[in-house]
C-alpha atoms as a PDB file:
ATOM      1  CA  MET A   1     146.176 198.564 -73.874  1.00  0.00           C
ATOM      2  CA  LEU A   2     145.532 198.920 -77.569  1.00  0.00           C
ATOM      3  CA  SER A   3     146.701 202.049 -79.299  1.00  0.00           C
ATOM      4  CA  PHE A   4     145.535 203.378 -82.629  1.00  0.00           C
ATOM      5  CA  ASN A   5     147.205 205.855 -84.898  1.00  0.00           C
ATOM      6  CA  ASN A   6     145.309 208.409 -86.934  1.00  0.00           C
ATOM      7  CA  GLU A   7     146.102 206.750 -90.249  1.00  0.00           C
ATOM      8  CA  GLU A   8     143.190 205.372 -92.213  1.00  0.00           C
ATOM      9  CA  MET A   9     142.439 201.731 -91.645  1.00  0.00           C
ATOM     10  CA  THR A  10     142.695 199.389 -94.585  1.00  0.00           C
ATOM     11  CA  ASN A  11     139.642 198.399 -96.579  1.00  0.00           C
ATOM     12  CA  ASP A  12     139.778 194.863 -95.129  1.00  0.00           C
ATOM     13  CA  GLN A  13     139.436 196.228 -91.606  1.00  0.00           C
ATOM     14  CA  THR A  14     136.591 198.637 -92.321  1.00  0.00           C
ATOM     15  CA  CYS A  15     134.635 196.514 -94.803  1.00  0.00           C
ATOM     16  CA  GLY A  16     134.422 199.439 -97.208  1.00  0.00           C
ATOM     17  CA  ARG A  17     133.065 201.980 -94.701  1.00  0.00           C
ATOM     18  CA  GLU A  18     134.611 205.331 -93.993  1.00  0.00           C
ATOM     19  CA  THR A  19     135.626 205.606 -90.361  1.00  0.00           C
ATOM     20  CA  SER A  20     136.840 208.266 -87.974  1.00  0.00           C
ATOM     21  CA  PHE A  21     138.020 208.185 -84.396  1.00  0.00           C
ATOM     22  CA  THR A  22     136.591 210.368 -81.677  1.00  0.00           C
ATOM     23  CA  THR A  23     138.081 210.741 -78.243  1.00  0.00           C
ATOM     24  CA  TYR A  24     135.729 210.308 -75.308  1.00  0.00           C
ATOM     25  CA  GLY A  25     136.855 209.741 -71.768  1.00  0.00           C
ATOM     26  CA  GLY A  26     140.432 209.040 -72.792  1.00  0.00           C
ATOM     27  CA  ARG A  27     139.452 206.229 -75.130  1.00  0.00           C
ATOM     28  CA  ARG A  28     139.123 206.244 -78.877  1.00  0.00           C
ATOM     29  CA  LYS A  29     135.942 205.004 -80.433  1.00  0.00           C
ATOM     30  CA  GLN A  30     135.355 204.099 -84.065  1.00  0.00           C
ATOM     31  CA  LYS A  31     132.376 205.848 -85.652  1.00  0.00           C
ATOM     32  CA  SER A  32     130.937 204.946 -89.007  1.00  0.00           C
ATOM     33  CA  ARG A  33     130.191 207.845 -91.327  1.00  0.00           C
ATOM     34  CA  ASP A  34     127.962 205.696 -93.469  1.00  0.00           C
ATOM     35  CA  THR A  35     124.692 206.889 -91.946  1.00  0.00           C
ATOM     36  CA  VAL A  36     122.560 205.682 -94.835  1.00  0.00           C
ATOM     37  CA  ALA A  37     123.731 202.095 -94.305  1.00  0.00           C
ATOM     38  CA  ASN A  38     123.083 202.411 -90.563  1.00  0.00           C
ATOM     39  CA  ILE A  39     119.583 203.756 -91.173  1.00  0.00           C
ATOM     40  CA  LYS A  40     118.830 200.958 -93.647  1.00  0.00           C
ATOM     41  CA  ALA A  41     120.024 198.361 -91.140  1.00  0.00           C
ATOM     42  CA  ARG A  42     117.835 199.847 -88.402  1.00  0.00           C
ATOM     43  CA  LEU A  43     114.876 199.996 -90.774  1.00  0.00           C
ATOM     44  CA  GLY A  44     115.330 196.321 -91.628  1.00  0.00           C
ATOM     45  CA  LYS A  45     115.375 195.403 -87.942  1.00  0.00           C
ATOM     46  CA  MET A  46     112.251 197.474 -87.304  1.00  0.00           C
ATOM     47  CA  GLU A  47     110.423 195.892 -90.246  1.00  0.00           C
ATOM     48  CA  LEU A  48     111.266 192.425 -88.933  1.00  0.00           C
ATOM     49  CA  ALA A  49     110.096 193.366 -85.443  1.00  0.00           C
ATOM     50  CA  MET A  50     106.838 194.763 -86.837  1.00  0.00           C
ATOM     51  CA  MET A  51     106.204 191.598 -88.883  1.00  0.00           C
ATOM     52  CA  ASN A  52     106.681 189.517 -85.733  1.00  0.00           C
ATOM     53  CA  THR A  53     104.343 191.847 -83.849  1.00  0.00           C
ATOM     54  CA  TRP A  54     101.624 191.620 -86.508  1.00  0.00           C
ATOM     55  CA  ASP A  55     101.943 187.825 -86.547  1.00  0.00           C
ATOM     56  CA  GLY A  56     101.426 187.802 -82.784  1.00  0.00           C
ATOM     57  CA  ILE A  57      98.411 190.097 -83.069  1.00  0.00           C
ATOM     58  CA  ASP A  58      96.886 187.838 -85.737  1.00  0.00           C
ATOM     59  CA  LEU A  59      97.291 184.823 -83.443  1.00  0.00           C
ATOM     60  CA  ILE A  60      95.606 186.707 -80.602  1.00  0.00           C
ATOM     61  CA  LYS A  61      92.710 187.697 -82.876  1.00  0.00           C
ATOM     62  CA  GLN A  62      92.239 184.105 -84.039  1.00  0.00           C
ATOM     63  CA  SER A  63      92.228 182.694 -80.515  1.00  0.00           C
ATOM     64  CA  THR A  64      89.824 185.424 -79.358  1.00  0.00           C
ATOM     65  CA  LYS A  65      87.488 184.644 -82.241  1.00  0.00           C
ATOM     66  CA  ARG A  66      87.558 180.919 -81.414  1.00  0.00           C
ATOM     67  CA  GLY A  67      86.962 181.697 -77.744  1.00  0.00           C
ATOM     68  CA  LEU A  68      83.944 183.870 -78.544  1.00  0.00           C
ATOM     69  CA  GLU A  69      82.497 181.184 -80.814  1.00  0.00           C
ATOM     70  CA  GLY A  70      82.946 178.652 -78.011  1.00  0.00           C
ATOM     71  CA  LEU A  71      81.200 180.940 -75.527  1.00  0.00           C
ATOM     72  CA  ARG A  72      78.307 181.489 -77.933  1.00  0.00           C
ATOM     73  CA  ASN A  73      77.909 177.728 -78.318  1.00  0.00           C
ATOM     74  CA  GLU A  74      77.950 177.218 -74.540  1.00  0.00           C
ATOM     75  CA  ILE A  75      75.375 179.979 -74.022  1.00  0.00           C
ATOM     76  CA  GLU A  76      73.152 178.450 -76.696  1.00  0.00           C
ATOM     77  CA  ASP A  77      73.460 175.008 -75.058  1.00  0.00           C
ATOM     78  CA  LEU A  78      72.540 176.487 -71.655  1.00  0.00           C
ATOM     79  CA  ARG A  79      69.593 178.329 -73.182  1.00  0.00           C
ATOM     80  CA  GLU A  80      68.333 175.135 -74.830  1.00  0.00           C
ATOM     81  CA  GLY A  81      68.786 173.258 -71.538  1.00  0.00           C
ATOM     82  CA  MET A  82      66.747 175.845 -69.652  1.00  0.00           C
ATOM     83  CA  LEU A  83      63.963 175.793 -72.237  1.00  0.00           C
ATOM     84  CA  ALA A  84      63.830 171.983 -72.219  1.00  0.00           C
ATOM     85  CA  SER A  85      63.325 171.786 -68.449  1.00  0.00           C
END
């Protein structure tokens, strides 16, 4: 079992973030106090997810548009076939 003391961790271990330990259920958990960095990281992930979503929506719109154009052409061909007979 790993044990931690309450001394501050070195800069190499924390990568420049301030850290604290909280006890929960008999275990110690490291919590970052750098909330701004956490929020920026989450925002970046959300922006990436939204870009992927919009790309998917654009693909759906394009395929729907092509499908509608194809249906219009088929309907026109059927209409011309009915008028010719």
